[in-house]
Amino acid sequence: MKTNYLAVLVCAIVYWLIGGLWYGLLFTKPWMALEGPAAQSANMNPILPYVITLALNLLIAFVLAQICAWRNANTAARGSAIGILLWLGIVGPITFTTYMYEGRSKELFAINEFYPLVGLCVMGAILGAWTKKAA
């Protein structure tokens, strides 16, 4: 399979920026209220989580690129559909089950887990639309 590494990098950065907007602007107050003290750890290194998140986003984007290539998702719509299907069939059910057993709220699930839904959709669209031939 050919991988467009520049598209993977762009996807990882876009997903990372969506996360910043999601938690830092759109849902900051309700997320902090629902998460409680765990989201406000004073002992946490202020930079390391962002670096690790970007590295994990690279992994997610790379795997999504492989699935898009495997499924011949060569349009934004096809790539986006693959991202949505992965969330609907894997991410959503797994995380909802965990939230249910932990007694966590549906509101917190919506804030935390619709972010990857949007992210996978956008990354899939980028990967599908990026038609440059990869080496």
N, C-alpha and C. Protein backbone atom coordinates (compact mmCIF):
# COMPACT_ATOMS: atom_id res chain seq x y z
N MET A 1 0.83 -1.19 0.00
CA MET A 1 0.00 0.00 0.00
C MET A 1 0.87 1.24 0.00
N LYS A 2 0.47 2.20 -0.79
CA LYS A 2 1.19 3.47 -0.81
C LYS A 2 0.59 4.38 0.25
N THR A 3 1.47 5.03 0.96
CA THR A 3 1.04 5.94 2.02
C THR A 3 1.50 7.34 1.68
N ASN A 4 0.59 8.27 1.75
CA ASN A 4 0.92 9.68 1.55
C ASN A 4 1.25 10.25 2.93
N TYR A 5 2.52 10.25 3.26
CA TYR A 5 2.96 10.65 4.59
C TYR A 5 2.68 12.12 4.89
N LEU A 6 2.70 12.96 3.89
CA LEU A 6 2.37 14.37 4.12
C LEU A 6 0.89 14.50 4.50
N ALA A 7 0.02 13.75 3.84
CA ALA A 7 -1.40 13.77 4.19
C ALA A 7 -1.61 13.25 5.61
N VAL A 8 -0.87 12.22 5.99
CA VAL A 8 -0.95 11.68 7.35
C VAL A 8 -0.55 12.74 8.36
N LEU A 9 0.54 13.44 8.10
CA LEU A 9 1.00 14.50 9.00
C LEU A 9 -0.04 15.61 9.11
N VAL A 10 -0.58 16.04 7.98
CA VAL A 10 -1.61 17.09 7.99
C VAL A 10 -2.83 16.63 8.78
N CYS A 11 -3.25 15.39 8.58
CA CYS A 11 -4.39 14.86 9.32
C CYS A 11 -4.14 14.87 10.83
N ALA A 12 -2.96 14.46 11.23
CA ALA A 12 -2.64 14.44 12.66
C ALA A 12 -2.68 15.84 13.25
N ILE A 13 -2.14 16.80 12.53
CA ILE A 13 -2.14 18.18 13.02
C ILE A 13 -3.56 18.75 13.06
N VAL A 14 -4.34 18.48 12.03
CA VAL A 14 -5.74 18.97 12.00
C VAL A 14 -6.53 18.37 13.14
N TYR A 15 -6.37 17.06 13.38
CA TYR A 15 -7.08 16.40 14.48
C TYR A 15 -6.67 17.01 15.82
N TRP A 16 -5.39 17.29 15.96
CA TRP A 16 -4.85 17.90 17.17
C TRP A 16 -5.46 19.29 17.38
N LEU A 17 -5.57 20.06 16.30
CA LEU A 17 -6.16 21.40 16.39
C LEU A 17 -7.65 21.33 16.69
N ILE A 18 -8.34 20.35 16.11
CA ILE A 18 -9.76 20.16 16.44
C ILE A 18 -9.92 19.89 17.93
N GLY A 19 -9.03 19.08 18.48
CA GLY A 19 -9.07 18.80 19.92
C GLY A 19 -8.88 20.05 20.75
N GLY A 20 -7.97 20.91 20.31
CA GLY A 20 -7.76 22.17 21.02
C GLY A 20 -9.00 23.05 21.00
N LEU A 21 -9.63 23.13 19.85
CA LEU A 21 -10.87 23.90 19.75
C LEU A 21 -12.00 23.25 20.56
N TRP A 22 -12.08 21.94 20.48
CA TRP A 22 -13.15 21.18 21.14
C TRP A 22 -13.12 21.37 22.66
N TYR A 23 -11.94 21.11 23.24
CA TYR A 23 -11.83 21.17 24.69
C TYR A 23 -11.44 22.55 25.21
N GLY A 24 -10.77 23.34 24.38
CA GLY A 24 -10.28 24.64 24.84
C GLY A 24 -11.21 25.80 24.55
N LEU A 25 -12.19 25.58 23.68
CA LEU A 25 -13.07 26.68 23.32
C LEU A 25 -14.54 26.28 23.35
N LEU A 26 -14.89 25.23 22.64
CA LEU A 26 -16.31 24.88 22.49
C LEU A 26 -16.94 24.28 23.75
N PHE A 27 -16.24 23.36 24.41
CA PHE A 27 -16.84 22.62 25.52
C PHE A 27 -16.05 22.70 26.82
N THR A 28 -15.25 23.73 26.98
CA THR A 28 -14.39 23.84 28.15
C THR A 28 -15.17 23.75 29.46
N LYS A 29 -16.13 24.61 29.65
CA LYS A 29 -16.85 24.66 30.93
C LYS A 29 -17.64 23.40 31.22
N PRO A 30 -18.47 22.90 30.29
CA PRO A 30 -19.20 21.68 30.63
C PRO A 30 -18.27 20.48 30.82
N TRP A 31 -17.20 20.41 30.03
CA TRP A 31 -16.28 19.29 30.15
C TRP A 31 -15.59 19.30 31.52
N MET A 32 -15.10 20.47 31.93
CA MET A 32 -14.44 20.57 33.23
C MET A 32 -15.40 20.26 34.36
N ALA A 33 -16.64 20.70 34.25
CA ALA A 33 -17.64 20.43 35.28
C ALA A 33 -17.95 18.94 35.37
N LEU A 34 -18.03 18.27 34.24
CA LEU A 34 -18.36 16.84 34.23
C LEU A 34 -17.16 15.97 34.60
N GLU A 35 -15.97 16.35 34.20
CA GLU A 35 -14.77 15.56 34.50
C GLU A 35 -14.32 15.73 35.94
N GLY A 36 -14.51 16.91 36.48
CA GLY A 36 -14.10 17.16 37.85
C GLY A 36 -12.60 17.33 37.99
N PRO A 37 -12.07 17.03 39.17
CA PRO A 37 -10.65 17.28 39.47
C PRO A 37 -9.67 16.51 38.59
N ALA A 38 -10.09 15.38 38.03
CA ALA A 38 -9.17 14.59 37.20
C ALA A 38 -8.68 15.39 36.00
N ALA A 39 -9.51 16.28 35.48
CA ALA A 39 -9.12 17.08 34.31
C ALA A 39 -8.26 18.27 34.69
N GLN A 40 -8.12 18.51 35.98
CA GLN A 40 -7.41 19.70 36.44
C GLN A 40 -6.19 19.37 37.28
N SER A 41 -5.51 18.28 36.97
CA SER A 41 -4.38 17.82 37.76
C SER A 41 -3.25 18.85 37.77
N ALA A 42 -2.87 19.30 38.95
CA ALA A 42 -1.80 20.29 39.11
C ALA A 42 -0.42 19.66 38.96
N ASN A 43 -0.33 18.34 39.13
CA ASN A 43 0.96 17.66 39.07
C ASN A 43 1.35 17.26 37.65
N MET A 44 0.49 17.50 36.69
CA MET A 44 0.74 17.07 35.32
C MET A 44 1.73 18.00 34.62
N ASN A 45 2.64 17.41 33.85
CA ASN A 45 3.54 18.18 33.01
C ASN A 45 2.67 18.94 32.01
N PRO A 46 2.84 20.25 31.87
CA PRO A 46 1.94 21.03 31.02
C PRO A 46 2.11 20.80 29.52
N ILE A 47 3.25 20.24 29.08
CA ILE A 47 3.50 20.09 27.66
C ILE A 47 3.41 18.64 27.20
N LEU A 48 3.84 17.72 28.02
CA LEU A 48 3.92 16.31 27.62
C LEU A 48 2.61 15.74 27.06
N PRO A 49 1.45 16.00 27.65
CA PRO A 49 0.22 15.45 27.08
C PRO A 49 -0.04 15.91 25.64
N TYR A 50 0.33 17.13 25.32
CA TYR A 50 0.13 17.63 23.96
C TYR A 50 1.05 16.93 22.98
N VAL A 51 2.29 16.66 23.38
CA VAL A 51 3.24 15.96 22.53
C VAL A 51 2.79 14.52 22.31
N ILE A 52 2.38 13.86 23.37
CA ILE A 52 1.91 12.47 23.27
C ILE A 52 0.65 12.41 22.41
N THR A 53 -0.25 13.36 22.60
CA THR A 53 -1.47 13.40 21.80
C THR A 53 -1.15 13.53 20.32
N LEU A 54 -0.22 14.40 19.98
CA LEU A 54 0.15 14.56 18.57
C LEU A 54 0.76 13.27 18.02
N ALA A 55 1.58 12.60 18.81
CA ALA A 55 2.18 11.33 18.37
C ALA A 55 1.08 10.27 18.16
N LEU A 56 0.12 10.20 19.07
CA LEU A 56 -0.97 9.25 18.91
C LEU A 56 -1.86 9.61 17.73
N ASN A 57 -2.04 10.90 17.47
CA ASN A 57 -2.80 11.34 16.31
C ASN A 57 -2.11 10.91 15.02
N LEU A 58 -0.77 10.92 15.01
CA LEU A 58 -0.03 10.41 13.86
C LEU A 58 -0.33 8.94 13.64
N LEU A 59 -0.37 8.17 14.71
CA LEU A 59 -0.70 6.75 14.61
C LEU A 59 -2.11 6.55 14.06
N ILE A 60 -3.07 7.29 14.60
CA ILE A 60 -4.46 7.19 14.14
C ILE A 60 -4.54 7.55 12.65
N ALA A 61 -3.91 8.64 12.26
CA ALA A 61 -3.95 9.07 10.86
C ALA A 61 -3.29 8.05 9.94
N PHE A 62 -2.19 7.46 10.39
CA PHE A 62 -1.51 6.44 9.58
C PHE A 62 -2.40 5.22 9.37
N VAL A 63 -3.01 4.75 10.44
CA VAL A 63 -3.88 3.57 10.34
C VAL A 63 -5.10 3.89 9.46
N LEU A 64 -5.68 5.06 9.65
CA LEU A 64 -6.81 5.46 8.82
C LEU A 64 -6.39 5.56 7.36
N ALA A 65 -5.19 6.04 7.09
CA ALA A 65 -4.69 6.11 5.71
C ALA A 65 -4.58 4.71 5.10
N GLN A 66 -4.14 3.74 5.90
CA GLN A 66 -4.04 2.37 5.41
C GLN A 66 -5.41 1.80 5.07
N ILE A 67 -6.39 2.08 5.93
CA ILE A 67 -7.74 1.58 5.69
C ILE A 67 -8.35 2.27 4.47
N CYS A 68 -8.13 3.57 4.34
CA CYS A 68 -8.63 4.30 3.17
C CYS A 68 -8.01 3.76 1.88
N ALA A 69 -6.72 3.47 1.91
CA ALA A 69 -6.06 2.91 0.73
C ALA A 69 -6.60 1.51 0.43
N TRP A 70 -6.77 0.72 1.46
CA TRP A 70 -7.27 -0.64 1.31
C TRP A 70 -8.67 -0.65 0.71
N ARG A 71 -9.50 0.31 1.13
CA ARG A 71 -10.89 0.39 0.66
C ARG A 71 -11.05 1.30 -0.56
N ASN A 72 -9.92 1.77 -1.12
CA ASN A 72 -9.93 2.63 -2.29
C ASN A 72 -10.80 3.88 -2.08
N ALA A 73 -10.63 4.50 -0.93
CA ALA A 73 -11.37 5.73 -0.62
C ALA A 73 -10.63 6.90 -1.26
N ASN A 74 -10.98 7.19 -2.51
CA ASN A 74 -10.26 8.21 -3.26
C ASN A 74 -11.06 9.49 -3.45
N THR A 75 -12.04 9.70 -2.59
CA THR A 75 -12.78 10.97 -2.56
C THR A 75 -12.97 11.37 -1.10
N ALA A 76 -13.25 12.64 -0.89
CA ALA A 76 -13.49 13.11 0.48
C ALA A 76 -14.68 12.39 1.10
N ALA A 77 -15.72 12.16 0.32
CA ALA A 77 -16.91 11.50 0.84
C ALA A 77 -16.62 10.06 1.28
N ARG A 78 -15.87 9.34 0.48
CA ARG A 78 -15.53 7.95 0.83
C ARG A 78 -14.63 7.89 2.06
N GLY A 79 -13.64 8.77 2.10
CA GLY A 79 -12.76 8.80 3.27
C GLY A 79 -13.52 9.17 4.53
N SER A 80 -14.38 10.15 4.41
CA SER A 80 -15.19 10.58 5.55
C SER A 80 -16.10 9.44 6.01
N ALA A 81 -16.70 8.73 5.06
CA ALA A 81 -17.57 7.61 5.40
C ALA A 81 -16.82 6.52 6.16
N ILE A 82 -15.58 6.27 5.76
CA ILE A 82 -14.78 5.26 6.48
C ILE A 82 -14.52 5.72 7.92
N GLY A 83 -14.17 7.00 8.09
CA GLY A 83 -13.97 7.53 9.44
C GLY A 83 -15.22 7.38 10.30
N ILE A 84 -16.37 7.71 9.73
CA ILE A 84 -17.63 7.60 10.47
C ILE A 84 -17.93 6.14 10.80
N LEU A 85 -17.75 5.24 9.83
CA LEU A 85 -18.01 3.82 10.09
C LEU A 85 -17.11 3.26 11.18
N LEU A 86 -15.84 3.66 11.18
CA LEU A 86 -14.93 3.20 12.24
C LEU A 86 -15.42 3.67 13.61
N TRP A 87 -15.89 4.90 13.68
CA TRP A 87 -16.39 5.40 14.96
C TRP A 87 -17.66 4.66 15.35
N LEU A 88 -18.61 4.52 14.40
CA LEU A 88 -19.88 3.86 14.70
C LEU A 88 -19.70 2.39 15.10
N GLY A 89 -18.78 1.70 14.45
CA GLY A 89 -18.62 0.28 14.68
C GLY A 89 -17.60 -0.10 15.72
N ILE A 90 -16.68 0.80 16.06
CA ILE A 90 -15.61 0.44 17.00
C ILE A 90 -15.52 1.43 18.15
N VAL A 91 -15.17 2.66 17.87
CA VAL A 91 -14.91 3.65 18.92
C VAL A 91 -16.13 3.89 19.79
N GLY A 92 -17.25 4.23 19.16
CA GLY A 92 -18.47 4.54 19.91
C GLY A 92 -18.93 3.42 20.82
N PRO A 93 -19.12 2.20 20.28
CA PRO A 93 -19.60 1.11 21.14
C PRO A 93 -18.64 0.74 22.27
N ILE A 94 -17.35 0.72 21.98
CA ILE A 94 -16.38 0.37 23.02
C ILE A 94 -16.40 1.40 24.14
N THR A 95 -16.33 2.67 23.77
CA THR A 95 -16.27 3.69 24.81
C THR A 95 -17.61 3.85 25.52
N PHE A 96 -18.73 3.68 24.81
CA PHE A 96 -20.02 3.79 25.48
C PHE A 96 -20.19 2.69 26.52
N THR A 97 -19.72 1.48 26.19
CA THR A 97 -19.78 0.38 27.14
C THR A 97 -18.99 0.71 28.40
N THR A 98 -17.81 1.27 28.22
CA THR A 98 -16.99 1.66 29.36
C THR A 98 -17.68 2.73 30.18
N TYR A 99 -18.22 3.74 29.54
CA TYR A 99 -18.93 4.81 30.25
C TYR A 99 -20.11 4.24 31.03
N MET A 100 -20.84 3.32 30.42
CA MET A 100 -22.01 2.73 31.06
C MET A 100 -21.61 2.00 32.35
N TYR A 101 -20.60 1.16 32.29
CA TYR A 101 -20.18 0.41 33.47
C TYR A 101 -19.54 1.29 34.54
N GLU A 102 -18.91 2.38 34.12
CA GLU A 102 -18.31 3.30 35.08
C GLU A 102 -19.33 4.28 35.65
N GLY A 103 -20.55 4.27 35.12
CA GLY A 103 -21.59 5.18 35.60
C GLY A 103 -21.34 6.63 35.20
N ARG A 104 -20.61 6.83 34.13
CA ARG A 104 -20.33 8.19 33.67
C ARG A 104 -21.52 8.70 32.85
N SER A 105 -21.66 10.00 32.79
CA SER A 105 -22.84 10.59 32.16
C SER A 105 -22.78 10.52 30.63
N LYS A 106 -23.98 10.53 30.05
CA LYS A 106 -24.09 10.56 28.60
C LYS A 106 -23.60 11.89 28.04
N GLU A 107 -23.72 12.93 28.83
CA GLU A 107 -23.22 14.23 28.39
C GLU A 107 -21.70 14.22 28.26
N LEU A 108 -21.03 13.60 29.23
CA LEU A 108 -19.58 13.49 29.16
C LEU A 108 -19.17 12.60 27.98
N PHE A 109 -19.92 11.52 27.77
CA PHE A 109 -19.66 10.67 26.60
C PHE A 109 -19.76 11.50 25.32
N ALA A 110 -20.80 12.31 25.22
CA ALA A 110 -20.99 13.11 24.02
C ALA A 110 -19.83 14.07 23.80
N ILE A 111 -19.40 14.75 24.85
CA ILE A 111 -18.29 15.69 24.70
C ILE A 111 -17.00 14.95 24.33
N ASN A 112 -16.67 13.91 25.08
CA ASN A 112 -15.41 13.20 24.87
C ASN A 112 -15.38 12.37 23.59
N GLU A 113 -16.49 11.78 23.21
CA GLU A 113 -16.44 10.80 22.12
C GLU A 113 -16.95 11.32 20.79
N PHE A 114 -17.67 12.44 20.76
CA PHE A 114 -18.03 13.01 19.47
C PHE A 114 -16.85 13.76 18.87
N TYR A 115 -15.87 14.10 19.70
CA TYR A 115 -14.62 14.67 19.18
C TYR A 115 -13.92 13.68 18.25
N PRO A 116 -13.71 12.41 18.63
CA PRO A 116 -13.10 11.49 17.67
C PRO A 116 -14.00 11.22 16.46
N LEU A 117 -15.31 11.29 16.64
CA LEU A 117 -16.20 11.13 15.49
C LEU A 117 -15.93 12.22 14.46
N VAL A 118 -15.91 13.45 14.93
CA VAL A 118 -15.62 14.58 14.03
C VAL A 118 -14.21 14.44 13.47
N GLY A 119 -13.26 14.10 14.32
CA GLY A 119 -11.87 13.98 13.88
C GLY A 119 -11.67 12.91 12.83
N LEU A 120 -12.25 11.73 13.04
CA LEU A 120 -12.11 10.65 12.06
C LEU A 120 -12.79 11.02 10.74
N CYS A 121 -13.91 11.70 10.83
CA CYS A 121 -14.62 12.15 9.63
C CYS A 121 -13.76 13.14 8.84
N VAL A 122 -13.19 14.11 9.52
CA VAL A 122 -12.36 15.12 8.85
C VAL A 122 -11.08 14.49 8.31
N MET A 123 -10.43 13.66 9.11
CA MET A 123 -9.20 13.01 8.64
C MET A 123 -9.48 12.12 7.43
N GLY A 124 -10.57 11.38 7.48
CA GLY A 124 -10.93 10.54 6.34
C GLY A 124 -11.18 11.36 5.09
N ALA A 125 -11.84 12.51 5.26
CA ALA A 125 -12.10 13.39 4.13
C ALA A 125 -10.79 13.91 3.53
N ILE A 126 -9.86 14.30 4.39
CA ILE A 126 -8.56 14.79 3.91
C ILE A 126 -7.83 13.68 3.16
N LEU A 127 -7.78 12.50 3.75
CA LEU A 127 -7.06 11.38 3.13
C LEU A 127 -7.71 10.97 1.81
N GLY A 128 -9.04 10.97 1.77
CA GLY A 128 -9.74 10.60 0.55
C GLY A 128 -9.57 11.63 -0.55
N ALA A 129 -9.56 12.89 -0.17
CA ALA A 129 -9.46 13.96 -1.17
C ALA A 129 -8.05 14.19 -1.66
N TRP A 130 -7.05 13.81 -0.86
CA TRP A 130 -5.66 14.07 -1.21
C TRP A 130 -5.24 13.08 -2.28
N THR A 131 -5.22 13.51 -3.51
CA THR A 131 -5.01 12.60 -4.64
C THR A 131 -3.56 12.48 -5.07
N LYS A 132 -2.66 13.22 -4.43
CA LYS A 132 -1.24 13.13 -4.79
C LYS A 132 -0.77 11.68 -4.63
N LYS A 133 -0.07 11.21 -5.61
CA LYS A 133 0.45 9.86 -5.55
C LYS A 133 1.57 9.79 -4.53
N ALA A 134 1.47 8.83 -3.64
CA ALA A 134 2.48 8.66 -2.58
C ALA A 134 3.57 7.70 -3.08
N ALA A 135 4.75 7.86 -2.51
CA ALA A 135 5.86 6.98 -2.89
C ALA A 135 5.79 5.67 -2.15
